[in-house]
Amino acid sequence: MPLTEDNVIRQFSKWTQDKCQLRLSLSIPAVSLSLLGTSEVVSASLENGRFELGVGEFEFSFLSADASFEYTNPSARAERCLTVSFRDPLPRKPAGPPDATLMLCELP
């Protein structure tokens, strides 16, 4: 389900408050880079259209206009994941896959 910026910051704040362990996956196909790890959200903010996100030792900063957000919660027993997809801001026909994807999944 697509999310607004306000819903995204609420989810990050909830994970921070609850000290949830997350599985983190960053995929950048253009450079064949994929990072996997687990940690906690330590900070999250949205100011002037820019997200600042701290997950463990990682810090991410990106413009909300460059990202789309989707939350997956198929059932109460399944993993809850927030996916941030980044695309080239120039429109292309046909639209290709995201240029990069950051997925954060809540661990049980």
PDB file of N, CA and C in Angstrom:
ATOM      1  N   MET A   1       0.847  -1.159   0.000  1.00  0.00           N
ATOM      2  CA  MET A   1       0.000   0.000   0.000  1.00  0.00           C
ATOM      3  C   MET A   1       0.906   1.239   0.000  1.00  0.00           C
ATOM      4  N   PRO A   2       0.694   2.178  -0.926  1.00  0.00           N
ATOM      5  CA  PRO A   2       1.498   3.405  -0.976  1.00  0.00           C
ATOM      6  C   PRO A   2       1.291   4.243   0.290  1.00  0.00           C
ATOM      7  N   LEU A   3       2.343   4.938   0.699  1.00  0.00           N
ATOM      8  CA  LEU A   3       2.297   5.756   1.917  1.00  0.00           C
ATOM      9  C   LEU A   3       2.616   7.210   1.612  1.00  0.00           C
ATOM     10  N   THR A   4       2.043   8.105   2.420  1.00  0.00           N
ATOM     11  CA  THR A   4       2.408   9.515   2.351  1.00  0.00           C
ATOM     12  C   THR A   4       3.653   9.738   3.203  1.00  0.00           C
ATOM     13  N   GLU A   5       4.265  10.907   3.034  1.00  0.00           N
ATOM     14  CA  GLU A   5       5.456  11.238   3.824  1.00  0.00           C
ATOM     15  C   GLU A   5       5.140  11.214   5.322  1.00  0.00           C
ATOM     16  N   ASP A   6       3.964  11.736   5.698  1.00  0.00           N
ATOM     17  CA  ASP A   6       3.592  11.751   7.122  1.00  0.00           C
ATOM     18  C   ASP A   6       3.476  10.342   7.691  1.00  0.00           C
ATOM     19  N   ASN A   7       2.895   9.422   6.928  1.00  0.00           N
ATOM     20  CA  ASN A   7       2.775   8.035   7.389  1.00  0.00           C
ATOM     21  C   ASN A   7       4.142   7.370   7.493  1.00  0.00           C
ATOM     22  N   VAL A   8       5.038   7.702   6.590  1.00  0.00           N
ATOM     23  CA  VAL A   8       6.385   7.125   6.624  1.00  0.00           C
ATOM     24  C   VAL A   8       7.112   7.580   7.883  1.00  0.00           C
ATOM     25  N   ILE A   9       7.058   8.877   8.185  1.00  0.00           N
ATOM     26  CA  ILE A   9       7.770   9.368   9.371  1.00  0.00           C
ATOM     27  C   ILE A   9       7.144   8.788  10.633  1.00  0.00           C
ATOM     28  N   ARG A  10       5.814   8.582  10.650  1.00  0.00           N
ATOM     29  CA  ARG A  10       5.164   7.941  11.797  1.00  0.00           C
ATOM     30  C   ARG A  10       5.669   6.516  11.985  1.00  0.00           C
ATOM     31  N   GLN A  11       5.814   5.770  10.868  1.00  0.00           N
ATOM     32  CA  GLN A  11       6.294   4.386  10.968  1.00  0.00           C
ATOM     33  C   GLN A  11       7.722   4.348  11.489  1.00  0.00           C
ATOM     34  N   PHE A  12       8.602   5.224  10.962  1.00  0.00           N
ATOM     35  CA  PHE A  12       9.978   5.271  11.456  1.00  0.00           C
ATOM     36  C   PHE A  12      10.005   5.654  12.938  1.00  0.00           C
ATOM     37  N   SER A  13       9.163   6.599  13.345  1.00  0.00           N
ATOM     38  CA  SER A  13       9.105   7.010  14.754  1.00  0.00           C
ATOM     39  C   SER A  13       8.641   5.864  15.646  1.00  0.00           C
ATOM     40  N   LYS A  14       7.663   5.098  15.169  1.00  0.00           N
ATOM     41  CA  LYS A  14       7.183   3.931  15.933  1.00  0.00           C
ATOM     42  C   LYS A  14       8.305   2.916  16.097  1.00  0.00           C
ATOM     43  N   TRP A  15       9.001   2.621  15.012  1.00  0.00           N
ATOM     44  CA  TRP A  15      10.102   1.665  15.096  1.00  0.00           C
ATOM     45  C   TRP A  15      11.184   2.173  16.041  1.00  0.00           C
ATOM     46  N   THR A  16      11.448   3.476  16.032  1.00  0.00           N
ATOM     47  CA  THR A  16      12.450   4.053  16.936  1.00  0.00           C
ATOM     48  C   THR A  16      12.001   3.905  18.381  1.00  0.00           C
ATOM     49  N   GLN A  17      10.766   4.291  18.666  1.00  0.00           N
ATOM     50  CA  GLN A  17      10.229   4.227  20.034  1.00  0.00           C
ATOM     51  C   GLN A  17      10.191   2.795  20.553  1.00  0.00           C
ATOM     52  N   ASP A  18       9.755   1.852  19.708  1.00  0.00           N
ATOM     53  CA  ASP A  18       9.633   0.448  20.117  1.00  0.00           C
ATOM     54  C   ASP A  18      10.957  -0.299  20.078  1.00  0.00           C
ATOM     55  N   LYS A  19      12.033   0.360  19.591  1.00  0.00           N
ATOM     56  CA  LYS A  19      13.361  -0.269  19.453  1.00  0.00           C
ATOM     57  C   LYS A  19      13.293  -1.582  18.672  1.00  0.00           C
ATOM     58  N   CYS A  20      12.505  -1.564  17.597  1.00  0.00           N
ATOM     59  CA  CYS A  20      12.332  -2.759  16.765  1.00  0.00           C
ATOM     60  C   CYS A  20      13.621  -3.095  16.023  1.00  0.00           C
ATOM     61  N   GLN A  21      13.913  -4.372  15.958  1.00  0.00           N
ATOM     62  CA  GLN A  21      15.011  -4.846  15.123  1.00  0.00           C
ATOM     63  C   GLN A  21      14.486  -4.939  13.688  1.00  0.00           C
ATOM     64  N   LEU A  22      15.265  -4.410  12.751  1.00  0.00           N
ATOM     65  CA  LEU A  22      14.869  -4.404  11.354  1.00  0.00           C
ATOM     66  C   LEU A  22      15.912  -5.102  10.505  1.00  0.00           C
ATOM     67  N   ARG A  23      15.426  -5.740   9.449  1.00  0.00           N
ATOM     68  CA  ARG A  23      16.328  -6.233   8.408  1.00  0.00           C
ATOM     69  C   ARG A  23      16.392  -5.135   7.358  1.00  0.00           C
ATOM     70  N   LEU A  24      17.581  -4.750   7.002  1.00  0.00           N
ATOM     71  CA  LEU A  24      17.824  -3.654   6.070  1.00  0.00           C
ATOM     72  C   LEU A  24      18.395  -4.222   4.783  1.00  0.00           C
ATOM     73  N   SER A  25      17.820  -3.811   3.658  1.00  0.00           N
ATOM     74  CA  SER A  25      18.321  -4.243   2.361  1.00  0.00           C
ATOM     75  C   SER A  25      18.371  -3.038   1.439  1.00  0.00           C
ATOM     76  N   LEU A  26      19.555  -2.714   0.933  1.00  0.00           N
ATOM     77  CA  LEU A  26      19.740  -1.627  -0.012  1.00  0.00           C
ATOM     78  C   LEU A  26      20.239  -2.242  -1.302  1.00  0.00           C
ATOM     79  N   SER A  27      19.515  -1.995  -2.372  1.00  0.00           N
ATOM     80  CA  SER A  27      19.890  -2.568  -3.657  1.00  0.00           C
ATOM     81  C   SER A  27      20.029  -1.459  -4.692  1.00  0.00           C
ATOM     82  N   ILE A  28      21.190  -1.419  -5.355  1.00  0.00           N
ATOM     83  CA  ILE A  28      21.451  -0.450  -6.415  1.00  0.00           C
ATOM     84  C   ILE A  28      21.935  -1.240  -7.634  1.00  0.00           C
ATOM     85  N   PRO A  29      21.013  -1.635  -8.520  1.00  0.00           N
ATOM     86  CA  PRO A  29      21.369  -2.496  -9.649  1.00  0.00           C
ATOM     87  C   PRO A  29      22.405  -1.895 -10.593  1.00  0.00           C
ATOM     88  N   ALA A  30      22.407  -0.568 -10.776  1.00  0.00           N
ATOM     89  CA  ALA A  30      23.329   0.056 -11.733  1.00  0.00           C
ATOM     90  C   ALA A  30      24.791  -0.202 -11.386  1.00  0.00           C
ATOM     91  N   VAL A  31      25.089  -0.424 -10.110  1.00  0.00           N
ATOM     92  CA  VAL A  31      26.472  -0.687  -9.700  1.00  0.00           C
ATOM     93  C   VAL A  31      26.619  -2.070  -9.065  1.00  0.00           C
ATOM     94  N   SER A  32      25.592  -2.906  -9.219  1.00  0.00           N
ATOM     95  CA  SER A  32      25.602  -4.262  -8.662  1.00  0.00           C
ATOM     96  C   SER A  32      25.928  -4.267  -7.178  1.00  0.00           C
ATOM     97  N   LEU A  33      25.282  -3.379  -6.430  1.00  0.00           N
ATOM     98  CA  LEU A  33      25.516  -3.265  -4.996  1.00  0.00           C
ATOM     99  C   LEU A  33      24.281  -3.722  -4.242  1.00  0.00           C
ATOM    100  N   SER A  34      24.493  -4.568  -3.261  1.00  0.00           N
ATOM    101  CA  SER A  34      23.409  -4.993  -2.390  1.00  0.00           C
ATOM    102  C   SER A  34      23.967  -5.113  -0.983  1.00  0.00           C
ATOM    103  N   LEU A  35      23.344  -4.424  -0.024  1.00  0.00           N
ATOM    104  CA  LEU A  35      23.756  -4.486   1.371  1.00  0.00           C
ATOM    105  C   LEU A  35      22.648  -5.138   2.182  1.00  0.00           C
ATOM    106  N   LEU A  36      23.011  -6.015   3.081  1.00  0.00           N
ATOM    107  CA  LEU A  36      22.045  -6.648   3.973  1.00  0.00           C
ATOM    108  C   LEU A  36      22.556  -6.534   5.400  1.00  0.00           C
ATOM    109  N   GLY A  37      21.646  -6.358   6.338  1.00  0.00           N
ATOM    110  CA  GLY A  37      22.043  -6.294   7.733  1.00  0.00           C
ATOM    111  C   GLY A  37      20.826  -6.148   8.620  1.00  0.00           C
ATOM    112  N   THR A  38      21.034  -6.170   9.933  1.00  0.00           N
ATOM    113  CA  THR A  38      19.944  -5.938  10.882  1.00  0.00           C
ATOM    114  C   THR A  38      20.383  -4.873  11.866  1.00  0.00           C
ATOM    115  N   SER A  39      19.433  -4.038  12.261  1.00  0.00           N
ATOM    116  CA  SER A  39      19.720  -2.992  13.231  1.00  0.00           C
ATOM    117  C   SER A  39      18.424  -2.338  13.660  1.00  0.00           C
ATOM    118  N   GLU A  40      18.540  -1.241  14.423  1.00  0.00           N
ATOM    119  CA  GLU A  40      17.399  -0.469  14.885  1.00  0.00           C
ATOM    120  C   GLU A  40      17.410   0.899  14.224  1.00  0.00           C
ATOM    121  N   VAL A  41      16.220   1.482  14.035  1.00  0.00           N
ATOM    122  CA  VAL A  41      16.123   2.875  13.617  1.00  0.00           C
ATOM    123  C   VAL A  41      16.508   3.719  14.827  1.00  0.00           C
ATOM    124  N   VAL A  42      17.499   4.594  14.675  1.00  0.00           N
ATOM    125  CA  VAL A  42      17.935   5.419  15.796  1.00  0.00           C
ATOM    126  C   VAL A  42      17.473   6.862  15.641  1.00  0.00           C
ATOM    127  N   SER A  43      17.149   7.271  14.422  1.00  0.00           N
ATOM    128  CA  SER A  43      16.639   8.628  14.214  1.00  0.00           C
ATOM    129  C   SER A  43      15.907   8.693  12.887  1.00  0.00           C
ATOM    130  N   ALA A  44      14.916   9.569  12.830  1.00  0.00           N
ATOM    131  CA  ALA A  44      14.174   9.786  11.594  1.00  0.00           C
ATOM    132  C   ALA A  44      13.574  11.172  11.638  1.00  0.00           C
ATOM    133  N   SER A  45      13.732  11.923  10.556  1.00  0.00           N
ATOM    134  CA  SER A  45      13.140  13.249  10.500  1.00  0.00           C
ATOM    135  C   SER A  45      12.813  13.608   9.056  1.00  0.00           C
ATOM    136  N   LEU A  46      11.874  14.512   8.908  1.00  0.00           N
ATOM    137  CA  LEU A  46      11.485  15.047   7.610  1.00  0.00           C
ATOM    138  C   LEU A  46      11.404  16.553   7.763  1.00  0.00           C
ATOM    139  N   GLU A  47      12.328  17.257   7.113  1.00  0.00           N
ATOM    140  CA  GLU A  47      12.338  18.715   7.157  1.00  0.00           C
ATOM    141  C   GLU A  47      12.626  19.253   5.771  1.00  0.00           C
ATOM    142  N   ASN A  48      11.832  20.246   5.357  1.00  0.00           N
ATOM    143  CA  ASN A  48      12.010  20.903   4.060  1.00  0.00           C
ATOM    144  C   ASN A  48      12.079  19.904   2.911  1.00  0.00           C
ATOM    145  N   GLY A  49      11.269  18.843   2.981  1.00  0.00           N
ATOM    146  CA  GLY A  49      11.224  17.869   1.903  1.00  0.00           C
ATOM    147  C   GLY A  49      12.375  16.893   1.865  1.00  0.00           C
ATOM    148  N   ARG A  50      13.183  16.861   2.912  1.00  0.00           N
ATOM    149  CA  ARG A  50      14.336  15.940   2.969  1.00  0.00           C
ATOM    150  C   ARG A  50      14.174  14.987   4.148  1.00  0.00           C
ATOM    151  N   PHE A  51      14.276  13.691   3.847  1.00  0.00           N
ATOM    152  CA  PHE A  51      14.285  12.676   4.893  1.00  0.00           C
ATOM    153  C   PHE A  51      15.704  12.483   5.377  1.00  0.00           C
ATOM    154  N   GLU A  52      15.862  12.396   6.684  1.00  0.00           N
ATOM    155  CA  GLU A  52      17.128  12.020   7.335  1.00  0.00           C
ATOM    156  C   GLU A  52      16.789  10.784   8.154  1.00  0.00           C
ATOM    157  N   LEU A  53      17.484   9.704   7.902  1.00  0.00           N
ATOM    158  CA  LEU A  53      17.178   8.433   8.544  1.00  0.00           C
ATOM    159  C   LEU A  53      18.458   7.795   9.055  1.00  0.00           C
ATOM    160  N   GLY A  54      18.480   7.453  10.348  1.00  0.00           N
ATOM    161  CA  GLY A  54      19.604   6.745  10.938  1.00  0.00           C
ATOM    162  C   GLY A  54      19.176   5.337  11.296  1.00  0.00           C
ATOM    163  N   VAL A  55      19.850   4.360  10.723  1.00  0.00           N
ATOM    164  CA  VAL A  55      19.575   2.948  11.014  1.00  0.00           C
ATOM    165  C   VAL A  55      20.898   2.322  11.422  1.00  0.00           C
ATOM    166  N   GLY A  56      21.002   2.007  12.721  1.00  0.00           N
ATOM    167  CA  GLY A  56      22.276   1.495  13.227  1.00  0.00           C
ATOM    168  C   GLY A  56      23.370   2.508  12.962  1.00  0.00           C
ATOM    169  N   GLU A  57      24.429   2.085  12.314  1.00  0.00           N
ATOM    170  CA  GLU A  57      25.551   2.970  11.981  1.00  0.00           C
ATOM    171  C   GLU A  57      25.357   3.695  10.654  1.00  0.00           C
ATOM    172  N   PHE A  58      24.306   3.339   9.910  1.00  0.00           N
ATOM    173  CA  PHE A  58      24.063   3.958   8.607  1.00  0.00           C
ATOM    174  C   PHE A  58      23.234   5.223   8.756  1.00  0.00           C
ATOM    175  N   GLU A  59      23.542   6.223   7.923  1.00  0.00           N
ATOM    176  CA  GLU A  59      22.730   7.427   7.831  1.00  0.00           C
ATOM    177  C   GLU A  59      22.334   7.603   6.377  1.00  0.00           C
ATOM    178  N   PHE A  60      21.029   7.790   6.151  1.00  0.00           N
ATOM    179  CA  PHE A  60      20.501   7.993   4.807  1.00  0.00           C
ATOM    180  C   PHE A  60      19.877   9.376   4.751  1.00  0.00           C
ATOM    181  N   SER A  61      20.075  10.066   3.654  1.00  0.00           N
ATOM    182  CA  SER A  61      19.482  11.377   3.437  1.00  0.00           C
ATOM    183  C   SER A  61      19.019  11.431   1.996  1.00  0.00           C
ATOM    184  N   PHE A  62      17.746  11.796   1.787  1.00  0.00           N
ATOM    185  CA  PHE A  62      17.225  11.863   0.421  1.00  0.00           C
ATOM    186  C   PHE A  62      16.032  12.795   0.368  1.00  0.00           C
ATOM    187  N   LEU A  63      15.778  13.344  -0.813  1.00  0.00           N
ATOM    188  CA  LEU A  63      14.623  14.208  -1.024  1.00  0.00           C
ATOM    189  C   LEU A  63      13.386  13.340  -1.180  1.00  0.00           C
ATOM    190  N   SER A  64      12.324  13.711  -0.497  1.00  0.00           N
ATOM    191  CA  SER A  64      11.101  12.912  -0.590  1.00  0.00           C
ATOM    192  C   SER A  64      10.539  12.930  -2.004  1.00  0.00           C
ATOM    193  N   ALA A  65      10.796  14.000  -2.774  1.00  0.00           N
ATOM    194  CA  ALA A  65      10.308  14.075  -4.155  1.00  0.00           C
ATOM    195  C   ALA A  65      10.969  13.028  -5.050  1.00  0.00           C
ATOM    196  N   ASP A  66      12.134  12.525  -4.655  1.00  0.00           N
ATOM    197  CA  ASP A  66      12.864  11.531  -5.451  1.00  0.00           C
ATOM    198  C   ASP A  66      12.500  10.102  -5.071  1.00  0.00           C
ATOM    199  N   ALA A  67      11.560   9.936  -4.132  1.00  0.00           N
ATOM    200  CA  ALA A  67      11.267   8.598  -3.607  1.00  0.00           C
ATOM    201  C   ALA A  67       9.774   8.322  -3.611  1.00  0.00           C
ATOM    202  N   SER A  68       9.452   7.034  -3.681  1.00  0.00           N
ATOM    203  CA  SER A  68       8.076   6.597  -3.440  1.00  0.00           C
ATOM    204  C   SER A  68       8.140   5.576  -2.309  1.00  0.00           C
ATOM    205  N   PHE A  69       7.064   5.498  -1.544  1.00  0.00           N
ATOM    206  CA  PHE A  69       7.053   4.690  -0.329  1.00  0.00           C
ATOM    207  C   PHE A  69       5.905   3.694  -0.394  1.00  0.00           C
ATOM    208  N   GLU A  70       6.194   2.464   0.024  1.00  0.00           N
ATOM    209  CA  GLU A  70       5.159   1.431   0.051  1.00  0.00           C
ATOM    210  C   GLU A  70       5.333   0.588   1.305  1.00  0.00           C
ATOM    211  N   TYR A  71       4.220   0.274   1.947  1.00  0.00           N
ATOM    212  CA  TYR A  71       4.232  -0.528   3.170  1.00  0.00           C
ATOM    213  C   TYR A  71       3.527  -1.842   2.888  1.00  0.00           C
ATOM    214  N   THR A  72       4.134  -2.944   3.295  1.00  0.00           N
ATOM    215  CA  THR A  72       3.561  -4.262   3.077  1.00  0.00           C
ATOM    216  C   THR A  72       3.298  -4.909   4.427  1.00  0.00           C
ATOM    217  N   ASN A  73       2.063  -5.281   4.648  1.00  0.00           N
ATOM    218  CA  ASN A  73       1.665  -5.973   5.870  1.00  0.00           C
ATOM    219  C   ASN A  73       0.582  -6.979   5.470  1.00  0.00           C
ATOM    220  N   PRO A  74       0.978  -8.061   4.785  1.00  0.00           N
ATOM    221  CA  PRO A  74      -0.015  -8.987   4.235  1.00  0.00           C
ATOM    222  C   PRO A  74      -0.884  -9.679   5.275  1.00  0.00           C
ATOM    223  N   SER A  75      -0.361  -9.934   6.459  1.00  0.00           N
ATOM    224  CA  SER A  75      -1.157 -10.538   7.523  1.00  0.00           C
ATOM    225  C   SER A  75      -0.448 -10.281   8.844  1.00  0.00           C
ATOM    226  N   ALA A  76      -1.139 -10.543   9.914  1.00  0.00           N
ATOM    227  CA  ALA A  76      -0.571 -10.291  11.247  1.00  0.00           C
ATOM    228  C   ALA A  76       0.683 -11.120  11.506  1.00  0.00           C
ATOM    229  N   ARG A  77       0.783 -12.280  10.864  1.00  0.00           N
ATOM    230  CA  ARG A  77       1.938 -13.151  11.120  1.00  0.00           C
ATOM    231  C   ARG A  77       3.087 -12.928  10.148  1.00  0.00           C
ATOM    232  N   ALA A  78       2.838 -12.187   9.097  1.00  0.00           N
ATOM    233  CA  ALA A  78       3.881 -11.974   8.088  1.00  0.00           C
ATOM    234  C   ALA A  78       4.753 -10.772   8.460  1.00  0.00           C
ATOM    235  N   GLU A  79       5.900 -10.696   7.813  1.00  0.00           N
ATOM    236  CA  GLU A  79       6.829  -9.598   8.008  1.00  0.00           C
ATOM    237  C   GLU A  79       6.224  -8.283   7.519  1.00  0.00           C
ATOM    238  N   ARG A  80       6.413  -7.212   8.263  1.00  0.00           N
ATOM    239  CA  ARG A  80       5.970  -5.880   7.845  1.00  0.00           C
ATOM    240  C   ARG A  80       7.173  -5.160   7.257  1.00  0.00           C
ATOM    241  N   CYS A  81       7.047  -4.710   6.021  1.00  0.00           N
ATOM    242  CA  CYS A  81       8.171  -4.072   5.344  1.00  0.00           C
ATOM    243  C   CYS A  81       7.788  -2.707   4.784  1.00  0.00           C
ATOM    244  N   LEU A  82       8.721  -1.785   4.865  1.00  0.00           N
ATOM    245  CA  LEU A  82       8.585  -0.487   4.237  1.00  0.00           C
ATOM    246  C   LEU A  82       9.627  -0.422   3.136  1.00  0.00           C
ATOM    247  N   THR A  83       9.182  -0.148   1.919  1.00  0.00           N
ATOM    248  CA  THR A  83      10.085  -0.072   0.777  1.00  0.00           C
ATOM    249  C   THR A  83      10.140   1.363   0.280  1.00  0.00           C
ATOM    250  N   VAL A  84      11.357   1.868   0.115  1.00  0.00           N
ATOM    251  CA  VAL A  84      11.579   3.189  -0.458  1.00  0.00           C
ATOM    252  C   VAL A  84      12.231   2.959  -1.817  1.00  0.00           C
ATOM    253  N   SER A  85      11.554   3.390  -2.873  1.00  0.00           N
ATOM    254  CA  SER A  85      12.073   3.213  -4.231  1.00  0.00           C
ATOM    255  C   SER A  85      12.514   4.564  -4.781  1.00  0.00           C
ATOM    256  N   PHE A  86      13.687   4.571  -5.388  1.00  0.00           N
ATOM    257  CA  PHE A  86      14.239   5.794  -5.979  1.00  0.00           C
ATOM    258  C   PHE A  86      14.301   5.610  -7.487  1.00  0.00           C
ATOM    259  N   ARG A  87      13.821   6.603  -8.204  1.00  0.00           N
ATOM    260  CA  ARG A  87      13.850   6.575  -9.666  1.00  0.00           C
ATOM    261  C   ARG A  87      14.520   7.845 -10.185  1.00  0.00           C
ATOM    262  N   ASP A  88      15.062   7.746 -11.366  1.00  0.00           N
ATOM    263  CA  ASP A  88      15.588   8.912 -12.068  1.00  0.00           C
ATOM    264  C   ASP A  88      14.448   9.911 -12.226  1.00  0.00           C
ATOM    265  N   PRO A  89      14.642  11.174 -11.852  1.00  0.00           N
ATOM    266  CA  PRO A  89      13.544  12.144 -11.942  1.00  0.00           C
ATOM    267  C   PRO A  89      13.103  12.459 -13.373  1.00  0.00           C
ATOM    268  N   LEU A  90      13.906  12.108 -14.376  1.00  0.00           N
ATOM    269  CA  LEU A  90      13.511  12.357 -15.760  1.00  0.00           C
ATOM    270  C   LEU A  90      12.590  11.242 -16.231  1.00  0.00           C
ATOM    271  N   PRO A  91      11.398  11.582 -16.734  1.00  0.00           N
ATOM    272  CA  PRO A  91      10.460  10.536 -17.166  1.00  0.00           C
ATOM    273  C   PRO A  91      10.997   9.767 -18.364  1.00  0.00           C
ATOM    274  N   ARG A  92      10.753   8.482 -18.346  1.00  0.00           N
ATOM    275  CA  ARG A  92      11.174   7.608 -19.451  1.00  0.00           C
ATOM    276  C   ARG A  92       9.987   6.789 -19.897  1.00  0.00           C
ATOM    277  N   LYS A  93       9.975   6.441 -21.162  1.00  0.00           N
ATOM    278  CA  LYS A  93       8.918   5.593 -21.711  1.00  0.00           C
ATOM    279  C   LYS A  93       9.590   4.365 -22.283  1.00  0.00           C
ATOM    280  N   PRO A  94       9.266   3.169 -21.880  1.00  0.00           N
ATOM    281  CA  PRO A  94       8.462   2.841 -20.701  1.00  0.00           C
ATOM    282  C   PRO A  94       9.293   2.993 -19.435  1.00  0.00           C
ATOM    283  N   ALA A  95       8.602   3.155 -18.332  1.00  0.00           N
ATOM    284  CA  ALA A  95       9.286   3.296 -17.040  1.00  0.00           C
ATOM    285  C   ALA A  95       9.976   1.989 -16.691  1.00  0.00           C
ATOM    286  N   GLY A  96      11.230   2.079 -16.323  1.00  0.00           N
ATOM    287  CA  GLY A  96      11.991   0.883 -15.957  1.00  0.00           C
ATOM    288  C   GLY A  96      11.902   0.600 -14.474  1.00  0.00           C
ATOM    289  N   PRO A  97      12.679  -0.353 -14.019  1.00  0.00           N
ATOM    290  CA  PRO A  97      12.695  -0.673 -12.592  1.00  0.00           C
ATOM    291  C   PRO A  97      13.315   0.490 -11.808  1.00  0.00           C
ATOM    292  N   PRO A  98      13.121   0.522 -10.488  1.00  0.00           N
ATOM    293  CA  PRO A  98      13.722   1.598  -9.681  1.00  0.00           C
ATOM    294  C   PRO A  98      15.241   1.611  -9.830  1.00  0.00           C
ATOM    295  N   ASP A  99      15.821   2.804  -9.712  1.00  0.00           N
ATOM    296  CA  ASP A  99      17.278   2.940  -9.764  1.00  0.00           C
ATOM    297  C   ASP A  99      17.923   2.406  -8.491  1.00  0.00           C
ATOM    298  N   ALA A 100      17.186   2.458  -7.387  1.00  0.00           N
ATOM    299  CA  ALA A 100      17.652   1.929  -6.110  1.00  0.00           C
ATOM    300  C   ALA A 100      16.440   1.645  -5.233  1.00  0.00           C
ATOM    301  N   THR A 101      16.605   0.679  -4.356  1.00  0.00           N
ATOM    302  CA  THR A 101      15.520   0.315  -3.439  1.00  0.00           C
ATOM    303  C   THR A 101      16.106   0.106  -2.048  1.00  0.00           C
ATOM    304  N   LEU A 102      15.478   0.733  -1.072  1.00  0.00           N
ATOM    305  CA  LEU A 102      15.816   0.534   0.342  1.00  0.00           C
ATOM    306  C   LEU A 102      14.620  -0.141   1.000  1.00  0.00           C
ATOM    307  N   MET A 103      14.815  -1.340   1.518  1.00  0.00           N
ATOM    308  CA  MET A 103      13.721  -2.074   2.170  1.00  0.00           C
ATOM    309  C   MET A 103      14.071  -2.295   3.632  1.00  0.00           C
ATOM    310  N   LEU A 104      13.120  -1.947   4.508  1.00  0.00           N
ATOM    311  CA  LEU A 104      13.273  -2.147   5.942  1.00  0.00           C
ATOM    312  C   LEU A 104      12.142  -3.034   6.405  1.00  0.00           C
ATOM    313  N   CYS A 105      12.478  -4.184   6.986  1.00  0.00           N
ATOM    314  CA  CYS A 105      11.473  -5.153   7.424  1.00  0.00           C
ATOM    315  C   CYS A 105      11.596  -5.372   8.928  1.00  0.00           C
ATOM    316  N   GLU A 106      10.449  -5.289   9.608  1.00  0.00           N
ATOM    317  CA  GLU A 106      10.407  -5.498  11.055  1.00  0.00           C
ATOM    318  C   GLU A 106      10.587  -6.979  11.355  1.00  0.00           C
ATOM    319  N   LEU A 107      11.538  -7.303  12.218  1.00  0.00           N
ATOM    320  CA  LEU A 107      11.783  -8.683  12.589  1.00  0.00           C
ATOM    321  C   LEU A 107      10.914  -9.054  13.785  1.00  0.00           C
ATOM    322  N   PRO A 108      10.459 -10.297  13.837  1.00  0.00           N
ATOM    323  CA  PRO A 108       9.611 -10.720  14.967  1.00  0.00           C
ATOM    324  C   PRO A 108      10.380 -10.745  16.276  1.00  0.00           C
TER     325      PRO A 108
END
